[in-house]
Amino acid sequence: MLDSLKEIFQLGTIEINDRGERTKLNSHTSEGQGIFLQELYSFIKPQKSLEVGFAFGISTLFILEKCRELNAEEKSHIVIEPMSWGEAAIYNIRKEGLEKYIDIRNDFSDVVLPRLFLNKERIQFAYVDTTKVFDIVLQDFYFIDKLLDVGGVIVFDDANTGGINVVMRFINSLPHYEIMEKYKKSDVSNLYKAGEWLFRMALSLVPLKRKYMRFYNLKTRRQLDLDYQCIAFRKIAKDTRPWNWDKAF
């Protein structure tokens, strides 16, 4: 692990300039999840990778470390970030001598991703750690799917939360994707488990549900095994669904 990352996790702060000033971390990738990303990256060995969300650049540092280790080409890792989080990320990337591997696009993903698609860019690895709004994350997936080669992997952070989990349910229903790996199963209380059991029992008593509710997958995220902090999907084939394909998710 990079010296900068070791120091960041040890102190819970990140250095922001060459005067040694530091700021407290928030909204950052954990050490365990960073190692999870590195393992996936090492397995795929992508020629080109993409990341939606930058913030303090913690996950980016993990990925760029692997770029160097695997002798990636210059600007092989595209990062999309429209917001300014200060200079901490860039400062630490430069300090570690990893700047040549990064290609930062300072705009929103709905601008950058279509442009990459129209420019016929190809990627083999993507990490999405951005907004939690369902339609934005779904849109990101839509274009990343068009950029991603067969055999490539797309990884989602906060996969167990609100709108993102709905996107996870949808991708899990697609015939050209499969779950490759998962990280950190969600903890749930006994009260939640009891409520889930009551919900399933109530559903079992609903008459004609298969006829009138066939467009809805009524299984919970725990039943679908999608209750994880981070989920990696692998693209196993081209999208050849017919025009009338439909499946409950």
C-alpha atoms as a PDB file:
ATOM      1  CA  MET A   1       0.000   0.000   0.000  1.00  0.00           C
ATOM      2  CA  LEU A   2       1.167   3.527  -0.765  1.00  0.00           C
ATOM      3  CA  ASP A   3       2.805   5.443   2.083  1.00  0.00           C
ATOM      4  CA  SER A   4       0.246   8.225   1.637  1.00  0.00           C
ATOM      5  CA  LEU A   5      -2.626   5.773   2.092  1.00  0.00           C
ATOM      6  CA  LYS A   6      -1.042   4.204   5.175  1.00  0.00           C
ATOM      7  CA  GLU A   7      -0.704   7.655   6.732  1.00  0.00           C
ATOM      8  CA  ILE A   8      -4.238   8.666   5.755  1.00  0.00           C
ATOM      9  CA  PHE A   9      -5.840   5.632   7.373  1.00  0.00           C
ATOM     10  CA  GLN A  10      -3.616   5.789  10.434  1.00  0.00           C
ATOM     11  CA  LEU A  11      -4.374   9.456  11.163  1.00  0.00           C
ATOM     12  CA  GLY A  12      -7.882   9.781   9.701  1.00  0.00           C
ATOM     13  CA  THR A  13      -6.739  12.944   7.915  1.00  0.00           C
ATOM     14  CA  ILE A  14      -5.224  13.747   4.530  1.00  0.00           C
ATOM     15  CA  GLU A  15      -2.332  16.066   3.670  1.00  0.00           C
ATOM     16  CA  ILE A  16      -3.474  18.922   1.436  1.00  0.00           C
ATOM     17  CA  ASN A  17      -0.270  20.796   0.538  1.00  0.00           C
ATOM     18  CA  ASP A  18       3.525  20.808   0.839  1.00  0.00           C
ATOM     19  CA  ARG A  19       3.294  22.813   4.072  1.00  0.00           C
ATOM     20  CA  GLY A  20       2.088  19.688   5.837  1.00  0.00           C
ATOM     21  CA  GLU A  21      -1.436  20.979   6.459  1.00  0.00           C
ATOM     22  CA  ARG A  22      -4.063  18.260   6.815  1.00  0.00           C
ATOM     23  CA  THR A  23      -7.844  18.023   6.761  1.00  0.00           C
ATOM     24  CA  LYS A  24     -10.249  15.455   8.192  1.00  0.00           C
ATOM     25  CA  LEU A  25     -11.542  12.755   5.865  1.00  0.00           C
ATOM     26  CA  ASN A  26     -15.204  12.277   4.997  1.00  0.00           C
ATOM     27  CA  SER A  27     -17.096  10.411   2.277  1.00  0.00           C
ATOM     28  CA  HIS A  28     -14.043   8.302   1.465  1.00  0.00           C
ATOM     29  CA  THR A  29     -13.372   4.724   0.418  1.00  0.00           C
ATOM     30  CA  SER A  30     -12.318   2.473   3.296  1.00  0.00           C
ATOM     31  CA  GLU A  31      -9.016   0.609   3.399  1.00  0.00           C
ATOM     32  CA  GLY A  32     -10.771  -2.749   2.999  1.00  0.00           C
ATOM     33  CA  GLN A  33     -12.758  -1.573   0.014  1.00  0.00           C
ATOM     34  CA  GLY A  34      -9.653  -0.071  -1.560  1.00  0.00           C
ATOM     35  CA  ILE A  35      -7.909  -3.442  -1.347  1.00  0.00           C
ATOM     36  CA  PHE A  36     -11.061  -5.038  -2.819  1.00  0.00           C
ATOM     37  CA  LEU A  37     -10.803  -2.677  -5.807  1.00  0.00           C
ATOM     38  CA  GLN A  38      -7.118  -3.454  -6.246  1.00  0.00           C
ATOM     39  CA  GLU A  39      -7.788  -7.200  -6.311  1.00  0.00           C
ATOM     40  CA  LEU A  40     -10.417  -6.753  -9.015  1.00  0.00           C
ATOM     41  CA  TYR A  41      -8.170  -4.425 -11.007  1.00  0.00           C
ATOM     42  CA  SER A  42      -5.261  -6.891 -10.812  1.00  0.00           C
ATOM     43  CA  PHE A  43      -7.501  -9.713 -12.016  1.00  0.00           C
ATOM     44  CA  ILE A  44      -8.896  -7.758 -14.987  1.00  0.00           C
ATOM     45  CA  LYS A  45      -5.645  -5.959 -15.887  1.00  0.00           C
ATOM     46  CA  PRO A  46      -7.502  -3.283 -17.856  1.00  0.00           C
ATOM     47  CA  GLN A  47      -5.899  -1.244 -20.596  1.00  0.00           C
ATOM     48  CA  LYS A  48      -8.314   1.572 -19.773  1.00  0.00           C
ATOM     49  CA  SER A  49     -10.328   2.217 -16.626  1.00  0.00           C
ATOM     50  CA  LEU A  50     -12.870   4.760 -15.494  1.00  0.00           C
ATOM     51  CA  GLU A  51     -14.025   6.197 -12.182  1.00  0.00           C
ATOM     52  CA  VAL A  52     -17.128   8.296 -11.524  1.00  0.00           C
ATOM     53  CA  GLY A  53     -16.476  10.414  -8.417  1.00  0.00           C
ATOM     54  CA  PHE A  54     -13.149  11.717  -7.090  1.00  0.00           C
ATOM     55  CA  ALA A  55     -13.551  13.638  -3.795  1.00  0.00           C
ATOM     56  CA  PHE A  56     -10.302  13.183  -1.781  1.00  0.00           C
ATOM     57  CA  GLY A  57      -8.995  10.657  -4.302  1.00  0.00           C
ATOM     58  CA  ILE A  58      -8.642   7.724  -1.893  1.00  0.00           C
ATOM     59  CA  SER A  59     -10.051   5.093  -4.251  1.00  0.00           C
ATOM     60  CA  THR A  60      -8.136   6.743  -7.094  1.00  0.00           C
ATOM     61  CA  LEU A  61      -4.854   6.315  -5.209  1.00  0.00           C
ATOM     62  CA  PHE A  62      -5.594   2.605  -4.770  1.00  0.00           C
ATOM     63  CA  ILE A  63      -6.309   2.234  -8.498  1.00  0.00           C
ATOM     64  CA  LEU A  64      -3.349   4.327  -9.655  1.00  0.00           C
ATOM     65  CA  GLU A  65      -1.014   2.245  -7.504  1.00  0.00           C
ATOM     66  CA  LYS A  66      -2.094  -0.761  -9.565  1.00  0.00           C
ATOM     67  CA  CYS A  67      -1.742   1.231 -12.806  1.00  0.00           C
ATOM     68  CA  ARG A  68       1.934   1.712 -12.015  1.00  0.00           C
ATOM     69  CA  GLU A  69       2.417  -1.847 -10.817  1.00  0.00           C
ATOM     70  CA  LEU A  70       0.967  -3.217 -14.076  1.00  0.00           C
ATOM     71  CA  ASN A  71       2.816  -0.709 -16.295  1.00  0.00           C
ATOM     72  CA  ALA A  72      -0.320   0.976 -17.574  1.00  0.00           C
ATOM     73  CA  GLU A  73      -0.142   3.573 -20.319  1.00  0.00           C
ATOM     74  CA  GLU A  74      -0.277   7.293 -19.600  1.00  0.00           C
ATOM     75  CA  LYS A  75      -3.762   8.688 -18.897  1.00  0.00           C
ATOM     76  CA  SER A  76      -5.136   5.149 -18.701  1.00  0.00           C
ATOM     77  CA  HIS A  77      -7.478   5.964 -15.799  1.00  0.00           C
ATOM     78  CA  ILE A  78     -10.296   8.438 -16.552  1.00  0.00           C
ATOM     79  CA  VAL A  79     -11.827  10.182 -13.531  1.00  0.00           C
ATOM     80  CA  ILE A  80     -15.100  12.114 -13.756  1.00  0.00           C
ATOM     81  CA  GLU A  81     -15.654  14.807 -11.109  1.00  0.00           C
ATOM     82  CA  PRO A  82     -17.614  18.047 -11.609  1.00  0.00           C
ATOM     83  CA  MET A  83     -17.232  19.362  -8.058  1.00  0.00           C
ATOM     84  CA  SER A  84     -14.192  20.838  -6.330  1.00  0.00           C
ATOM     85  CA  TRP A  85     -13.004  19.050  -3.173  1.00  0.00           C
ATOM     86  CA  GLY A  86      -9.842  21.112  -2.901  1.00  0.00           C
ATOM     87  CA  GLU A  87      -6.284  20.157  -3.817  1.00  0.00           C
ATOM     88  CA  ALA A  88      -5.819  17.180  -1.497  1.00  0.00           C
ATOM     89  CA  ALA A  89      -6.426  14.480  -4.115  1.00  0.00           C
ATOM     90  CA  ILE A  90      -4.141  15.966  -6.767  1.00  0.00           C
ATOM     91  CA  TYR A  91      -1.467  16.828  -4.193  1.00  0.00           C
ATOM     92  CA  ASN A  92      -1.228  13.219  -2.947  1.00  0.00           C
ATOM     93  CA  ILE A  93      -1.341  11.764  -6.458  1.00  0.00           C
ATOM     94  CA  ARG A  94       1.571  14.007  -7.452  1.00  0.00           C
ATOM     95  CA  LYS A  95       3.432  13.218  -4.238  1.00  0.00           C
ATOM     96  CA  GLU A  96       3.253   9.518  -5.069  1.00  0.00           C
ATOM     97  CA  GLY A  97       4.411  10.123  -8.649  1.00  0.00           C
ATOM     98  CA  LEU A  98       1.171   8.802 -10.138  1.00  0.00           C
ATOM     99  CA  GLU A  99      -0.076  11.859 -12.030  1.00  0.00           C
ATOM    100  CA  LYS A 100       0.806  10.531 -15.476  1.00  0.00           C
ATOM    101  CA  TYR A 101      -1.765   7.730 -15.215  1.00  0.00           C
ATOM    102  CA  ILE A 102      -4.795   9.937 -14.527  1.00  0.00           C
ATOM    103  CA  ASP A 103      -7.068  11.729 -16.981  1.00  0.00           C
ATOM    104  CA  ILE A 104      -9.436  14.028 -15.044  1.00  0.00           C
ATOM    105  CA  ARG A 105     -12.653  15.209 -16.700  1.00  0.00           C
ATOM    106  CA  ASN A 106     -14.104  18.112 -14.682  1.00  0.00           C
ATOM    107  CA  ASP A 107     -17.711  17.815 -15.755  1.00  0.00           C
ATOM    108  CA  PHE A 108     -20.866  15.859 -14.959  1.00  0.00           C
ATOM    109  CA  SER A 109     -21.076  12.222 -15.980  1.00  0.00           C
ATOM    110  CA  ASP A 110     -24.068  12.877 -18.260  1.00  0.00           C
ATOM    111  CA  VAL A 111     -21.757  15.092 -20.318  1.00  0.00           C
ATOM    112  CA  VAL A 112     -18.545  13.038 -20.169  1.00  0.00           C
ATOM    113  CA  LEU A 113     -19.886   9.504 -20.653  1.00  0.00           C
ATOM    114  CA  PRO A 114     -21.863  10.181 -23.871  1.00  0.00           C
ATOM    115  CA  ARG A 115     -18.805  12.011 -25.228  1.00  0.00           C
ATOM    116  CA  LEU A 116     -16.606   8.979 -24.514  1.00  0.00           C
ATOM    117  CA  PHE A 117     -19.157   6.756 -26.246  1.00  0.00           C
ATOM    118  CA  LEU A 118     -19.340   9.003 -29.312  1.00  0.00           C
ATOM    119  CA  ASN A 119     -15.533   9.039 -29.434  1.00  0.00           C
ATOM    120  CA  LYS A 120     -15.622   5.216 -29.483  1.00  0.00           C
ATOM    121  CA  GLU A 121     -13.578   4.890 -26.281  1.00  0.00           C
ATOM    122  CA  ARG A 122     -13.331   1.421 -24.724  1.00  0.00           C
ATOM    123  CA  ILE A 123     -12.786   0.473 -21.083  1.00  0.00           C
ATOM    124  CA  GLN A 124     -12.399  -2.785 -19.162  1.00  0.00           C
ATOM    125  CA  PHE A 125     -12.913  -1.569 -15.580  1.00  0.00           C
ATOM    126  CA  ALA A 126     -15.197   1.032 -14.003  1.00  0.00           C
ATOM    127  CA  TYR A 127     -15.845   2.158 -10.442  1.00  0.00           C
ATOM    128  CA  VAL A 128     -18.947   4.216  -9.635  1.00  0.00           C
ATOM    129  CA  ASP A 129     -18.923   6.146  -6.351  1.00  0.00           C
ATOM    130  CA  THR A 130     -21.043   9.216  -6.819  1.00  0.00           C
ATOM    131  CA  THR A 131     -24.601  10.413  -6.211  1.00  0.00           C
ATOM    132  CA  LYS A 132     -27.155   8.004  -4.749  1.00  0.00           C
ATOM    133  CA  VAL A 133     -29.981   9.191  -7.046  1.00  0.00           C
ATOM    134  CA  PHE A 134     -31.518   6.255  -8.933  1.00  0.00           C
ATOM    135  CA  ASP A 135     -31.937   7.749 -12.404  1.00  0.00           C
ATOM    136  CA  ILE A 136     -28.463   9.326 -12.455  1.00  0.00           C
ATOM    137  CA  VAL A 137     -26.772   6.057 -11.439  1.00  0.00           C
ATOM    138  CA  LEU A 138     -28.886   4.154 -13.970  1.00  0.00           C
ATOM    139  CA  GLN A 139     -27.857   6.623 -16.672  1.00  0.00           C
ATOM    140  CA  ASP A 140     -24.190   6.179 -15.707  1.00  0.00           C
ATOM    141  CA  PHE A 141     -24.591   2.425 -16.023  1.00  0.00           C
ATOM    142  CA  TYR A 142     -26.337   2.767 -19.396  1.00  0.00           C
ATOM    143  CA  PHE A 143     -23.365   4.534 -20.952  1.00  0.00           C
ATOM    144  CA  ILE A 144     -20.680   2.587 -19.093  1.00  0.00           C
ATOM    145  CA  ASP A 145     -22.271  -0.603 -20.440  1.00  0.00           C
ATOM    146  CA  LYS A 146     -21.770   0.772 -23.961  1.00  0.00           C
ATOM    147  CA  LEU A 147     -18.105   1.536 -23.203  1.00  0.00           C
ATOM    148  CA  LEU A 148     -17.303  -1.694 -21.357  1.00  0.00           C
ATOM    149  CA  ASP A 149     -15.740  -4.611 -23.222  1.00  0.00           C
ATOM    150  CA  VAL A 150     -17.056  -8.135 -22.717  1.00  0.00           C
ATOM    151  CA  GLY A 151     -15.133  -9.556 -19.763  1.00  0.00           C
ATOM    152  CA  GLY A 152     -14.886  -6.122 -18.171  1.00  0.00           C
ATOM    153  CA  VAL A 153     -16.122  -5.231 -14.700  1.00  0.00           C
ATOM    154  CA  ILE A 154     -18.194  -2.395 -13.268  1.00  0.00           C
ATOM    155  CA  VAL A 155     -18.090  -1.866  -9.492  1.00  0.00           C
ATOM    156  CA  PHE A 156     -20.631   0.107  -7.457  1.00  0.00           C
ATOM    157  CA  ASP A 157     -20.094   1.651  -4.036  1.00  0.00           C
ATOM    158  CA  ASP A 158     -23.041   2.012  -1.619  1.00  0.00           C
ATOM    159  CA  ALA A 159     -24.760  -0.807  -3.495  1.00  0.00           C
ATOM    160  CA  ASN A 160     -26.990  -1.498  -0.492  1.00  0.00           C
ATOM    161  CA  THR A 161     -28.520   1.977  -0.342  1.00  0.00           C
ATOM    162  CA  GLY A 162     -31.777   3.385  -1.736  1.00  0.00           C
ATOM    163  CA  GLY A 163     -31.691   4.238  -5.421  1.00  0.00           C
ATOM    164  CA  ILE A 164     -28.383   2.476  -6.057  1.00  0.00           C
ATOM    165  CA  ASN A 165     -29.781  -0.817  -4.808  1.00  0.00           C
ATOM    166  CA  VAL A 166     -32.652  -0.504  -7.279  1.00  0.00           C
ATOM    167  CA  VAL A 167     -30.051  -0.188 -10.053  1.00  0.00           C
ATOM    168  CA  MET A 168     -28.310  -3.273  -8.622  1.00  0.00           C
ATOM    169  CA  ARG A 169     -31.589  -5.201  -8.883  1.00  0.00           C
ATOM    170  CA  PHE A 170     -31.926  -4.154 -12.519  1.00  0.00           C
ATOM    171  CA  ILE A 171     -28.364  -5.099 -13.517  1.00  0.00           C
ATOM    172  CA  ASN A 172     -28.774  -8.397 -11.677  1.00  0.00           C
ATOM    173  CA  SER A 173     -31.728  -9.172 -13.978  1.00  0.00           C
ATOM    174  CA  LEU A 174     -29.748  -8.603 -17.189  1.00  0.00           C
ATOM    175  CA  PRO A 175     -28.688 -11.733 -19.099  1.00  0.00           C
ATOM    176  CA  HIS A 176     -25.340 -10.264 -20.178  1.00  0.00           C
ATOM    177  CA  TYR A 177     -24.118  -9.499 -16.640  1.00  0.00           C
ATOM    178  CA  GLU A 178     -23.255 -11.612 -13.629  1.00  0.00           C
ATOM    179  CA  ILE A 179     -22.083 -10.804 -10.127  1.00  0.00           C
ATOM    180  CA  MET A 180     -18.344 -11.327  -9.920  1.00  0.00           C
ATOM    181  CA  GLU A 181     -17.538 -10.302  -6.335  1.00  0.00           C
ATOM    182  CA  LYS A 182     -19.155  -8.594  -3.345  1.00  0.00           C
ATOM    183  CA  TYR A 183     -17.698  -6.721  -0.403  1.00  0.00           C
ATOM    184  CA  LYS A 184     -18.993  -6.189   3.144  1.00  0.00           C
ATOM    185  CA  LYS A 185     -22.418  -7.680   3.733  1.00  0.00           C
ATOM    186  CA  SER A 186     -24.879  -5.327   5.423  1.00  0.00           C
ATOM    187  CA  ASP A 187     -25.638  -5.750   9.104  1.00  0.00           C
ATOM    188  CA  VAL A 188     -29.349  -5.890   9.901  1.00  0.00           C
ATOM    189  CA  SER A 189     -31.113  -6.009  13.243  1.00  0.00           C
ATOM    190  CA  ASN A 190     -33.302  -8.841  14.478  1.00  0.00           C
ATOM    191  CA  LEU A 191     -36.223  -6.420  14.258  1.00  0.00           C
ATOM    192  CA  TYR A 192     -35.528  -5.915  10.537  1.00  0.00           C
ATOM    193  CA  LYS A 193     -35.333  -9.676  10.002  1.00  0.00           C
ATOM    194  CA  ALA A 194     -38.630 -10.155  11.808  1.00  0.00           C
ATOM    195  CA  GLY A 195     -40.274  -7.452   9.699  1.00  0.00           C
ATOM    196  CA  GLU A 196     -38.921  -9.055   6.535  1.00  0.00           C
ATOM    197  CA  TRP A 197     -40.360 -12.421   7.589  1.00  0.00           C
ATOM    198  CA  LEU A 198     -43.771 -10.863   8.285  1.00  0.00           C
ATOM    199  CA  PHE A 199     -43.694  -9.148   4.892  1.00  0.00           C
ATOM    200  CA  ARG A 200     -42.962 -12.438   3.123  1.00  0.00           C
ATOM    201  CA  MET A 201     -45.743 -14.183   5.041  1.00  0.00           C
ATOM    202  CA  ALA A 202     -48.202 -11.424   4.136  1.00  0.00           C
ATOM    203  CA  LEU A 203     -47.234 -11.682   0.458  1.00  0.00           C
ATOM    204  CA  SER A 204     -47.786 -15.429   0.491  1.00  0.00           C
ATOM    205  CA  LEU A 205     -51.423 -14.784   1.414  1.00  0.00           C
ATOM    206  CA  VAL A 206     -52.097 -12.337  -1.417  1.00  0.00           C
ATOM    207  CA  PRO A 207     -54.341 -14.081  -3.992  1.00  0.00           C
ATOM    208  CA  LEU A 208     -53.520 -13.956  -7.724  1.00  0.00           C
ATOM    209  CA  LYS A 209     -50.267 -12.087  -7.106  1.00  0.00           C
ATOM    210  CA  ARG A 210     -48.467 -13.997  -9.879  1.00  0.00           C
ATOM    211  CA  LYS A 211     -51.069 -12.804 -12.369  1.00  0.00           C
ATOM    212  CA  TYR A 212     -51.432  -9.177 -11.316  1.00  0.00           C
ATOM    213  CA  MET A 213     -47.961  -8.494  -9.866  1.00  0.00           C
ATOM    214  CA  ARG A 214     -45.831 -10.361 -12.421  1.00  0.00           C
ATOM    215  CA  PHE A 215     -43.945  -7.181 -13.358  1.00  0.00           C
ATOM    216  CA  TYR A 216     -42.550  -6.819  -9.830  1.00  0.00           C
ATOM    217  CA  ASN A 217     -39.830  -8.851  -8.171  1.00  0.00           C
ATOM    218  CA  LEU A 218     -41.116  -8.959  -4.610  1.00  0.00           C
ATOM    219  CA  LYS A 219     -37.970 -10.492  -3.136  1.00  0.00           C
ATOM    220  CA  THR A 220     -36.026  -8.317  -0.700  1.00  0.00           C
ATOM    221  CA  ARG A 221     -32.412  -7.311  -1.356  1.00  0.00           C
ATOM    222  CA  ARG A 222     -31.359  -9.859   1.267  1.00  0.00           C
ATOM    223  CA  GLN A 223     -33.201 -12.629  -0.565  1.00  0.00           C
ATOM    224  CA  LEU A 224     -31.517 -11.552  -3.803  1.00  0.00           C
ATOM    225  CA  ASP A 225     -28.138 -11.425  -1.995  1.00  0.00           C
ATOM    226  CA  LEU A 226     -27.671  -7.784  -2.993  1.00  0.00           C
ATOM    227  CA  ASP A 227     -27.255  -6.403   0.523  1.00  0.00           C
ATOM    228  CA  TYR A 228     -23.568  -5.505   0.224  1.00  0.00           C
ATOM    229  CA  GLN A 229     -21.614  -2.265   0.488  1.00  0.00           C
ATOM    230  CA  CYS A 230     -19.863  -2.891  -2.809  1.00  0.00           C
ATOM    231  CA  ILE A 231     -20.874  -5.115  -5.750  1.00  0.00           C
ATOM    232  CA  ALA A 232     -18.833  -5.918  -8.868  1.00  0.00           C
ATOM    233  CA  PHE A 233     -20.681  -7.029 -12.002  1.00  0.00           C
ATOM    234  CA  ARG A 234     -18.871  -8.685 -14.900  1.00  0.00           C
ATOM    235  CA  LYS A 235     -20.049  -8.276 -18.472  1.00  0.00           C
ATOM    236  CA  ILE A 236     -20.186 -11.814 -19.826  1.00  0.00           C
ATOM    237  CA  ALA A 237     -21.634 -11.186 -23.292  1.00  0.00           C
ATOM    238  CA  LYS A 238     -22.831  -8.519 -25.682  1.00  0.00           C
ATOM    239  CA  ASP A 239     -26.312  -7.161 -25.127  1.00  0.00           C
ATOM    240  CA  THR A 240     -28.484  -9.159 -27.537  1.00  0.00           C
ATOM    241  CA  ARG A 241     -31.850  -8.727 -25.849  1.00  0.00           C
ATOM    242  CA  PRO A 242     -34.830  -8.602 -28.239  1.00  0.00           C
ATOM    243  CA  TRP A 243     -36.880  -5.420 -28.557  1.00  0.00           C
ATOM    244  CA  ASN A 244     -39.598  -6.797 -26.260  1.00  0.00           C
ATOM    245  CA  TRP A 245     -37.313  -8.141 -23.503  1.00  0.00           C
ATOM    246  CA  ASP A 246     -38.741  -7.599 -20.040  1.00  0.00           C
ATOM    247  CA  LYS A 247     -38.002  -9.039 -16.633  1.00  0.00           C
ATOM    248  CA  ALA A 248     -39.104  -8.113 -13.149  1.00  0.00           C
ATOM    249  CA  PHE A 249     -36.344  -6.730 -10.944  1.00  0.00           C
END
